[in-house]
Amino acid sequence: MQRLEVDGRMVKAVAPAPEDLIVSKLARLDDKDKAFVEAYHNARPLDIALIEERIAATDLDPAVAALAVAYVRGLARS
């Protein structure tokens, strides 16, 4: 988090960690989210262990979490 002055006002800038953004995409796993995750992984390989930790730290339905983990592990193998 960072505070910046914009047009004479102080605003708070918040930028999520890339891994958190990836986990939010994995929670949905629709086609456009898969495309985003794959493009990100191709540009900057994901830390699969960290992504799995972040998934485990969420309150996702266990079946959805299992699908997300399986999907991201599949990316690591390709």
PDB file of N, CA and C in Angstrom:
ATOM      1  N   MET A   1       0.843  -1.165   0.000  1.00  0.00           N
ATOM      2  CA  MET A   1       0.000   0.000   0.000  1.00  0.00           C
ATOM      3  C   MET A   1       0.892   1.233   0.000  1.00  0.00           C
ATOM      4  N   GLN A   2       0.478   2.208  -0.765  1.00  0.00           N
ATOM      5  CA  GLN A   2       1.227   3.453  -0.860  1.00  0.00           C
ATOM      6  C   GLN A   2       0.245   4.615  -0.885  1.00  0.00           C
ATOM      7  N   ARG A   3       0.619   5.695  -0.258  1.00  0.00           N
ATOM      8  CA  ARG A   3      -0.196   6.911  -0.302  1.00  0.00           C
ATOM      9  C   ARG A   3       0.412   7.860  -1.324  1.00  0.00           C
ATOM     10  N   LEU A   4      -0.449   8.421  -2.170  1.00  0.00           N
ATOM     11  CA  LEU A   4      -0.026   9.336  -3.223  1.00  0.00           C
ATOM     12  C   LEU A   4      -0.908  10.565  -3.224  1.00  0.00           C
ATOM     13  N   GLU A   5      -0.344  11.679  -3.668  1.00  0.00           N
ATOM     14  CA  GLU A   5      -1.159  12.875  -3.835  1.00  0.00           C
ATOM     15  C   GLU A   5      -1.647  12.914  -5.276  1.00  0.00           C
ATOM     16  N   VAL A   6      -2.956  13.034  -5.431  1.00  0.00           N
ATOM     17  CA  VAL A   6      -3.580  13.106  -6.752  1.00  0.00           C
ATOM     18  C   VAL A   6      -4.557  14.272  -6.724  1.00  0.00           C
ATOM     19  N   ASP A   7      -4.303  15.254  -7.578  1.00  0.00           N
ATOM     20  CA  ASP A   7      -5.165  16.436  -7.663  1.00  0.00           C
ATOM     21  C   ASP A   7      -5.406  17.078  -6.299  1.00  0.00           C
ATOM     22  N   GLY A   8      -4.350  17.161  -5.508  1.00  0.00           N
ATOM     23  CA  GLY A   8      -4.449  17.820  -4.212  1.00  0.00           C
ATOM     24  C   GLY A   8      -5.046  16.971  -3.105  1.00  0.00           C
ATOM     25  N   ARG A   9      -5.342  15.734  -3.402  1.00  0.00           N
ATOM     26  CA  ARG A   9      -5.895  14.828  -2.375  1.00  0.00           C
ATOM     27  C   ARG A   9      -4.943  13.668  -2.160  1.00  0.00           C
ATOM     28  N   MET A  10      -4.910  13.152  -0.952  1.00  0.00           N
ATOM     29  CA  MET A  10      -4.108  11.964  -0.660  1.00  0.00           C
ATOM     30  C   MET A  10      -4.983  10.738  -0.919  1.00  0.00           C
ATOM     31  N   VAL A  11      -4.470   9.836  -1.714  1.00  0.00           N
ATOM     32  CA  VAL A  11      -5.184   8.592  -2.005  1.00  0.00           C
ATOM     33  C   VAL A  11      -4.297   7.419  -1.648  1.00  0.00           C
ATOM     34  N   LYS A  12      -4.924   6.308  -1.404  1.00  0.00           N
ATOM     35  CA  LYS A  12      -4.223   5.092  -1.055  1.00  0.00           C
ATOM     36  C   LYS A  12      -4.210   4.187  -2.283  1.00  0.00           C
ATOM     37  N   ALA A  13      -3.024   3.754  -2.704  1.00  0.00           N
ATOM     38  CA  ALA A  13      -2.893   2.844  -3.838  1.00  0.00           C
ATOM     39  C   ALA A  13      -2.611   1.446  -3.303  1.00  0.00           C
ATOM     40  N   VAL A  14      -3.402   0.507  -3.755  1.00  0.00           N
ATOM     41  CA  VAL A  14      -3.239  -0.877  -3.332  1.00  0.00           C
ATOM     42  C   VAL A  14      -3.074  -1.737  -4.574  1.00  0.00           C
ATOM     43  N   ALA A  15      -2.036  -2.541  -4.598  1.00  0.00           N
ATOM     44  CA  ALA A  15      -1.803  -3.433  -5.729  1.00  0.00           C
ATOM     45  C   ALA A  15      -1.642  -4.849  -5.184  1.00  0.00           C
ATOM     46  N   PRO A  16      -2.522  -5.762  -5.595  1.00  0.00           N
ATOM     47  CA  PRO A  16      -2.389  -7.132  -5.100  1.00  0.00           C
ATOM     48  C   PRO A  16      -1.132  -7.794  -5.655  1.00  0.00           C
ATOM     49  N   ALA A  17      -0.620  -8.741  -4.912  1.00  0.00           N
ATOM     50  CA  ALA A  17       0.506  -9.529  -5.398  1.00  0.00           C
ATOM     51  C   ALA A  17       0.045 -10.331  -6.612  1.00  0.00           C
ATOM     52  N   PRO A  18       0.922 -10.531  -7.584  1.00  0.00           N
ATOM     53  CA  PRO A  18       0.520 -11.309  -8.765  1.00  0.00           C
ATOM     54  C   PRO A  18      -0.052 -12.678  -8.406  1.00  0.00           C
ATOM     55  N   GLU A  19       0.515 -13.305  -7.385  1.00  0.00           N
ATOM     56  CA  GLU A  19       0.027 -14.632  -6.992  1.00  0.00           C
ATOM     57  C   GLU A  19      -1.421 -14.577  -6.505  1.00  0.00           C
ATOM     58  N   ASP A  20      -1.780 -13.498  -5.822  1.00  0.00           N
ATOM     59  CA  ASP A  20      -3.156 -13.357  -5.349  1.00  0.00           C
ATOM     60  C   ASP A  20      -4.115 -13.166  -6.519  1.00  0.00           C
ATOM     61  N   LEU A  21      -3.678 -12.419  -7.510  1.00  0.00           N
ATOM     62  CA  LEU A  21      -4.488 -12.240  -8.712  1.00  0.00           C
ATOM     63  C   LEU A  21      -4.670 -13.578  -9.436  1.00  0.00           C
ATOM     64  N   ILE A  22      -3.608 -14.355  -9.526  1.00  0.00           N
ATOM     65  CA  ILE A  22      -3.681 -15.668 -10.170  1.00  0.00           C
ATOM     66  C   ILE A  22      -4.663 -16.562  -9.420  1.00  0.00           C
ATOM     67  N   VAL A  23      -4.604 -16.568  -8.101  1.00  0.00           N
ATOM     68  CA  VAL A  23      -5.519 -17.398  -7.313  1.00  0.00           C
ATOM     69  C   VAL A  23      -6.969 -16.978  -7.550  1.00  0.00           C
ATOM     70  N   SER A  24      -7.218 -15.684  -7.661  1.00  0.00           N
ATOM     71  CA  SER A  24      -8.593 -15.241  -7.924  1.00  0.00           C
ATOM     72  C   SER A  24      -9.060 -15.733  -9.286  1.00  0.00           C
ATOM     73  N   LYS A  25      -8.164 -15.784 -10.249  1.00  0.00           N
ATOM     74  CA  LYS A  25      -8.513 -16.310 -11.578  1.00  0.00           C
ATOM     75  C   LYS A  25      -8.752 -17.810 -11.508  1.00  0.00           C
ATOM     76  N   LEU A  26      -7.931 -18.510 -10.739  1.00  0.00           N
ATOM     77  CA  LEU A  26      -8.076 -19.962 -10.609  1.00  0.00           C
ATOM     78  C   LEU A  26      -9.364 -20.346  -9.893  1.00  0.00           C
ATOM     79  N   ALA A  27      -9.866 -19.465  -9.056  1.00  0.00           N
ATOM     80  CA  ALA A  27     -11.111 -19.751  -8.340  1.00  0.00           C
ATOM     81  C   ALA A  27     -12.295 -19.829  -9.302  1.00  0.00           C
ATOM     82  N   ARG A  28     -12.210 -19.118 -10.425  1.00  0.00           N
ATOM     83  CA  ARG A  28     -13.301 -19.130 -11.416  1.00  0.00           C
ATOM     84  C   ARG A  28     -13.060 -20.171 -12.500  1.00  0.00           C
ATOM     85  N   LEU A  29     -11.851 -20.218 -12.994  1.00  0.00           N
ATOM     86  CA  LEU A  29     -11.449 -21.151 -14.052  1.00  0.00           C
ATOM     87  C   LEU A  29     -12.334 -21.109 -15.297  1.00  0.00           C
ATOM     88  N   ASP A  30     -12.834 -19.929 -15.658  1.00  0.00           N
ATOM     89  CA  ASP A  30     -13.530 -19.866 -16.944  1.00  0.00           C
ATOM     90  C   ASP A  30     -12.473 -19.663 -18.028  1.00  0.00           C
ATOM     91  N   ASP A  31     -12.875 -19.711 -19.283  1.00  0.00           N
ATOM     92  CA  ASP A  31     -11.912 -19.696 -20.386  1.00  0.00           C
ATOM     93  C   ASP A  31     -11.030 -18.460 -20.399  1.00  0.00           C
ATOM     94  N   LYS A  32     -11.607 -17.279 -20.140  1.00  0.00           N
ATOM     95  CA  LYS A  32     -10.773 -16.076 -20.180  1.00  0.00           C
ATOM     96  C   LYS A  32      -9.802 -16.035 -19.002  1.00  0.00           C
ATOM     97  N   ASP A  33     -10.200 -16.580 -17.863  1.00  0.00           N
ATOM     98  CA  ASP A  33      -9.287 -16.631 -16.723  1.00  0.00           C
ATOM     99  C   ASP A  33      -8.164 -17.627 -16.976  1.00  0.00           C
ATOM    100  N   LYS A  34      -8.481 -18.759 -17.577  1.00  0.00           N
ATOM    101  CA  LYS A  34      -7.440 -19.730 -17.944  1.00  0.00           C
ATOM    102  C   LYS A  34      -6.454 -19.099 -18.920  1.00  0.00           C
ATOM    103  N   ALA A  35      -6.967 -18.366 -19.894  1.00  0.00           N
ATOM    104  CA  ALA A  35      -6.092 -17.717 -20.874  1.00  0.00           C
ATOM    105  C   ALA A  35      -5.160 -16.722 -20.183  1.00  0.00           C
ATOM    106  N   PHE A  36      -5.689 -15.968 -19.221  1.00  0.00           N
ATOM    107  CA  PHE A  36      -4.861 -15.013 -18.477  1.00  0.00           C
ATOM    108  C   PHE A  36      -3.763 -15.742 -17.705  1.00  0.00           C
ATOM    109  N   VAL A  37      -4.134 -16.787 -16.973  1.00  0.00           N
ATOM    110  CA  VAL A  37      -3.166 -17.530 -16.161  1.00  0.00           C
ATOM    111  C   VAL A  37      -2.094 -18.160 -17.054  1.00  0.00           C
ATOM    112  N   GLU A  38      -2.498 -18.736 -18.161  1.00  0.00           N
ATOM    113  CA  GLU A  38      -1.537 -19.349 -19.080  1.00  0.00           C
ATOM    114  C   GLU A  38      -0.594 -18.310 -19.672  1.00  0.00           C
ATOM    115  N   ALA A  39      -1.121 -17.157 -20.071  1.00  0.00           N
ATOM    116  CA  ALA A  39      -0.280 -16.097 -20.625  1.00  0.00           C
ATOM    117  C   ALA A  39       0.706 -15.596 -19.570  1.00  0.00           C
ATOM    118  N   TYR A  40       0.236 -15.421 -18.358  1.00  0.00           N
ATOM    119  CA  TYR A  40       1.123 -14.978 -17.284  1.00  0.00           C
ATOM    120  C   TYR A  40       2.225 -16.011 -17.065  1.00  0.00           C
ATOM    121  N   HIS A  41       1.827 -17.277 -16.986  1.00  0.00           N
ATOM    122  CA  HIS A  41       2.789 -18.363 -16.743  1.00  0.00           C
ATOM    123  C   HIS A  41       3.825 -18.439 -17.863  1.00  0.00           C
ATOM    124  N   ASN A  42       3.407 -18.215 -19.098  1.00  0.00           N
ATOM    125  CA  ASN A  42       4.347 -18.243 -20.219  1.00  0.00           C
ATOM    126  C   ASN A  42       5.326 -17.079 -20.160  1.00  0.00           C
ATOM    127  N   ALA A  43       4.874 -15.939 -19.675  1.00  0.00           N
ATOM    128  CA  ALA A  43       5.731 -14.761 -19.575  1.00  0.00           C
ATOM    129  C   ALA A  43       6.624 -14.798 -18.339  1.00  0.00           C
ATOM    130  N   ARG A  44       6.064 -15.320 -17.261  1.00  0.00           N
ATOM    131  CA  ARG A  44       6.784 -15.359 -15.977  1.00  0.00           C
ATOM    132  C   ARG A  44       6.309 -16.605 -15.243  1.00  0.00           C
ATOM    133  N   PRO A  45       7.086 -17.693 -15.318  1.00  0.00           N
ATOM    134  CA  PRO A  45       6.630 -18.953 -14.720  1.00  0.00           C
ATOM    135  C   PRO A  45       6.169 -18.794 -13.269  1.00  0.00           C
ATOM    136  N   LEU A  46       5.043 -19.408 -12.995  1.00  0.00           N
ATOM    137  CA  LEU A  46       4.450 -19.334 -11.662  1.00  0.00           C
ATOM    138  C   LEU A  46       5.241 -20.146 -10.656  1.00  0.00           C
ATOM    139  N   ASP A  47       5.255 -19.685  -9.427  1.00  0.00           N
ATOM    140  CA  ASP A  47       5.780 -20.452  -8.304  1.00  0.00           C
ATOM    141  C   ASP A  47       4.621 -21.333  -7.839  1.00  0.00           C
ATOM    142  N   ILE A  48       4.604 -22.565  -8.328  1.00  0.00           N
ATOM    143  CA  ILE A  48       3.464 -23.455  -8.106  1.00  0.00           C
ATOM    144  C   ILE A  48       3.236 -23.706  -6.615  1.00  0.00           C
ATOM    145  N   ALA A  49       4.300 -23.915  -5.859  1.00  0.00           N
ATOM    146  CA  ALA A  49       4.149 -24.162  -4.419  1.00  0.00           C
ATOM    147  C   ALA A  49       3.494 -22.966  -3.730  1.00  0.00           C
ATOM    148  N   LEU A  50       3.897 -21.758  -4.103  1.00  0.00           N
ATOM    149  CA  LEU A  50       3.304 -20.556  -3.507  1.00  0.00           C
ATOM    150  C   LEU A  50       1.830 -20.424  -3.904  1.00  0.00           C
ATOM    151  N   ILE A  51       1.522 -20.694  -5.159  1.00  0.00           N
ATOM    152  CA  ILE A  51       0.126 -20.632  -5.604  1.00  0.00           C
ATOM    153  C   ILE A  51      -0.710 -21.644  -4.821  1.00  0.00           C
ATOM    154  N   GLU A  52      -0.187 -22.850  -4.642  1.00  0.00           N
ATOM    155  CA  GLU A  52      -0.922 -23.861  -3.864  1.00  0.00           C
ATOM    156  C   GLU A  52      -1.125 -23.410  -2.424  1.00  0.00           C
ATOM    157  N   GLU A  53      -0.118 -22.774  -1.829  1.00  0.00           N
ATOM    158  CA  GLU A  53      -0.264 -22.249  -0.463  1.00  0.00           C
ATOM    159  C   GLU A  53      -1.366 -21.198  -0.404  1.00  0.00           C
ATOM    160  N   ARG A  54      -1.377 -20.317  -1.389  1.00  0.00           N
ATOM    161  CA  ARG A  54      -2.389 -19.261  -1.417  1.00  0.00           C
ATOM    162  C   ARG A  54      -3.783 -19.846  -1.617  1.00  0.00           C
ATOM    163  N   ILE A  55      -3.899 -20.875  -2.451  1.00  0.00           N
ATOM    164  CA  ILE A  55      -5.198 -21.536  -2.633  1.00  0.00           C
ATOM    165  C   ILE A  55      -5.660 -22.144  -1.315  1.00  0.00           C
ATOM    166  N   ALA A  56      -4.735 -22.810  -0.618  1.00  0.00           N
ATOM    167  CA  ALA A  56      -5.073 -23.449   0.664  1.00  0.00           C
ATOM    168  C   ALA A  56      -5.503 -22.427   1.713  1.00  0.00           C
ATOM    169  N   ALA A  57      -5.018 -21.200   1.593  1.00  0.00           N
ATOM    170  CA  ALA A  57      -5.346 -20.153   2.572  1.00  0.00           C
ATOM    171  C   ALA A  57      -6.702 -19.505   2.308  1.00  0.00           C
ATOM    172  N   THR A  58      -7.356 -19.871   1.203  1.00  0.00           N
ATOM    173  CA  THR A  58      -8.661 -19.296   0.890  1.00  0.00           C
ATOM    174  C   THR A  58      -9.770 -20.137   1.499  1.00  0.00           C
ATOM    175  N   ASP A  59     -10.997 -19.645   1.361  1.00  0.00           N
ATOM    176  CA  ASP A  59     -12.145 -20.422   1.813  1.00  0.00           C
ATOM    177  C   ASP A  59     -12.901 -21.011   0.623  1.00  0.00           C
ATOM    178  N   LEU A  60     -12.155 -21.313  -0.441  1.00  0.00           N
ATOM    179  CA  LEU A  60     -12.778 -21.929  -1.610  1.00  0.00           C
ATOM    180  C   LEU A  60     -13.398 -23.264  -1.243  1.00  0.00           C
ATOM    181  N   ASP A  61     -14.461 -23.586  -1.934  1.00  0.00           N
ATOM    182  CA  ASP A  61     -15.036 -24.919  -1.806  1.00  0.00           C
ATOM    183  C   ASP A  61     -13.913 -25.921  -2.092  1.00  0.00           C
ATOM    184  N   PRO A  62     -13.776 -26.978  -1.295  1.00  0.00           N
ATOM    185  CA  PRO A  62     -12.682 -27.932  -1.496  1.00  0.00           C
ATOM    186  C   PRO A  62     -12.623 -28.516  -2.913  1.00  0.00           C
ATOM    187  N   ALA A  63     -13.762 -28.735  -3.542  1.00  0.00           N
ATOM    188  CA  ALA A  63     -13.767 -29.267  -4.910  1.00  0.00           C
ATOM    189  C   ALA A  63     -13.191 -28.238  -5.889  1.00  0.00           C
ATOM    190  N   VAL A  64     -13.525 -26.970  -5.704  1.00  0.00           N
ATOM    191  CA  VAL A  64     -13.006 -25.902  -6.565  1.00  0.00           C
ATOM    192  C   VAL A  64     -11.504 -25.754  -6.335  1.00  0.00           C
ATOM    193  N   ALA A  65     -11.086 -25.794  -5.072  1.00  0.00           N
ATOM    194  CA  ALA A  65      -9.662 -25.689  -4.751  1.00  0.00           C
ATOM    195  C   ALA A  65      -8.884 -26.836  -5.386  1.00  0.00           C
ATOM    196  N   ALA A  66      -9.433 -28.035  -5.346  1.00  0.00           N
ATOM    197  CA  ALA A  66      -8.764 -29.195  -5.945  1.00  0.00           C
ATOM    198  C   ALA A  66      -8.623 -29.018  -7.455  1.00  0.00           C
ATOM    199  N   LEU A  67      -9.661 -28.501  -8.108  1.00  0.00           N
ATOM    200  CA  LEU A  67      -9.580 -28.241  -9.548  1.00  0.00           C
ATOM    201  C   LEU A  67      -8.520 -27.189  -9.856  1.00  0.00           C
ATOM    202  N   ALA A  68      -8.459 -26.151  -9.048  1.00  0.00           N
ATOM    203  CA  ALA A  68      -7.479 -25.087  -9.253  1.00  0.00           C
ATOM    204  C   ALA A  68      -6.056 -25.618  -9.095  1.00  0.00           C
ATOM    205  N   VAL A  69      -5.835 -26.419  -8.072  1.00  0.00           N
ATOM    206  CA  VAL A  69      -4.506 -27.004  -7.857  1.00  0.00           C
ATOM    207  C   VAL A  69      -4.141 -27.925  -9.017  1.00  0.00           C
ATOM    208  N   ALA A  70      -5.068 -28.752  -9.447  1.00  0.00           N
ATOM    209  CA  ALA A  70      -4.802 -29.659 -10.566  1.00  0.00           C
ATOM    210  C   ALA A  70      -4.472 -28.855 -11.828  1.00  0.00           C
ATOM    211  N   TYR A  71      -5.194 -27.789 -12.057  1.00  0.00           N
ATOM    212  CA  TYR A  71      -4.960 -26.967 -13.238  1.00  0.00           C
ATOM    213  C   TYR A  71      -3.572 -26.343 -13.207  1.00  0.00           C
ATOM    214  N   VAL A  72      -3.207 -25.749 -12.094  1.00  0.00           N
ATOM    215  CA  VAL A  72      -1.910 -25.073 -12.007  1.00  0.00           C
ATOM    216  C   VAL A  72      -0.767 -26.090 -12.055  1.00  0.00           C
ATOM    217  N   ARG A  73      -0.960 -27.257 -11.496  1.00  0.00           N
ATOM    218  CA  ARG A  73       0.065 -28.300 -11.608  1.00  0.00           C
ATOM    219  C   ARG A  73       0.235 -28.738 -13.053  1.00  0.00           C
ATOM    220  N   GLY A  74      -0.864 -28.767 -13.792  1.00  0.00           N
ATOM    221  CA  GLY A  74      -0.791 -29.097 -15.210  1.00  0.00           C
ATOM    222  C   GLY A  74       0.019 -28.071 -15.987  1.00  0.00           C
ATOM    223  N   LEU A  75      -0.089 -26.810 -15.605  1.00  0.00           N
ATOM    224  CA  LEU A  75       0.722 -25.778 -16.249  1.00  0.00           C
ATOM    225  C   LEU A  75       2.199 -26.011 -16.006  1.00  0.00           C
ATOM    226  N   ALA A  76       2.527 -26.457 -14.818  1.00  0.00           N
ATOM    227  CA  ALA A  76       3.923 -26.680 -14.462  1.00  0.00           C
ATOM    228  C   ALA A  76       4.532 -27.819 -15.278  1.00  0.00           C
ATOM    229  N   ARG A  77       3.699 -28.792 -15.628  1.00  0.00           N
ATOM    230  CA  ARG A  77       4.195 -29.940 -16.401  1.00  0.00           C
ATOM    231  C   ARG A  77       4.359 -29.617 -17.883  1.00  0.00           C
ATOM    232  N   SER A  78       3.653 -28.596 -18.336  1.00  0.00           N
ATOM    233  CA  SER A  78       3.717 -28.305 -19.781  1.00  0.00           C
ATOM    234  C   SER A  78       4.824 -27.352 -20.136  1.00  0.00           C
TER     235      SER A  78
END
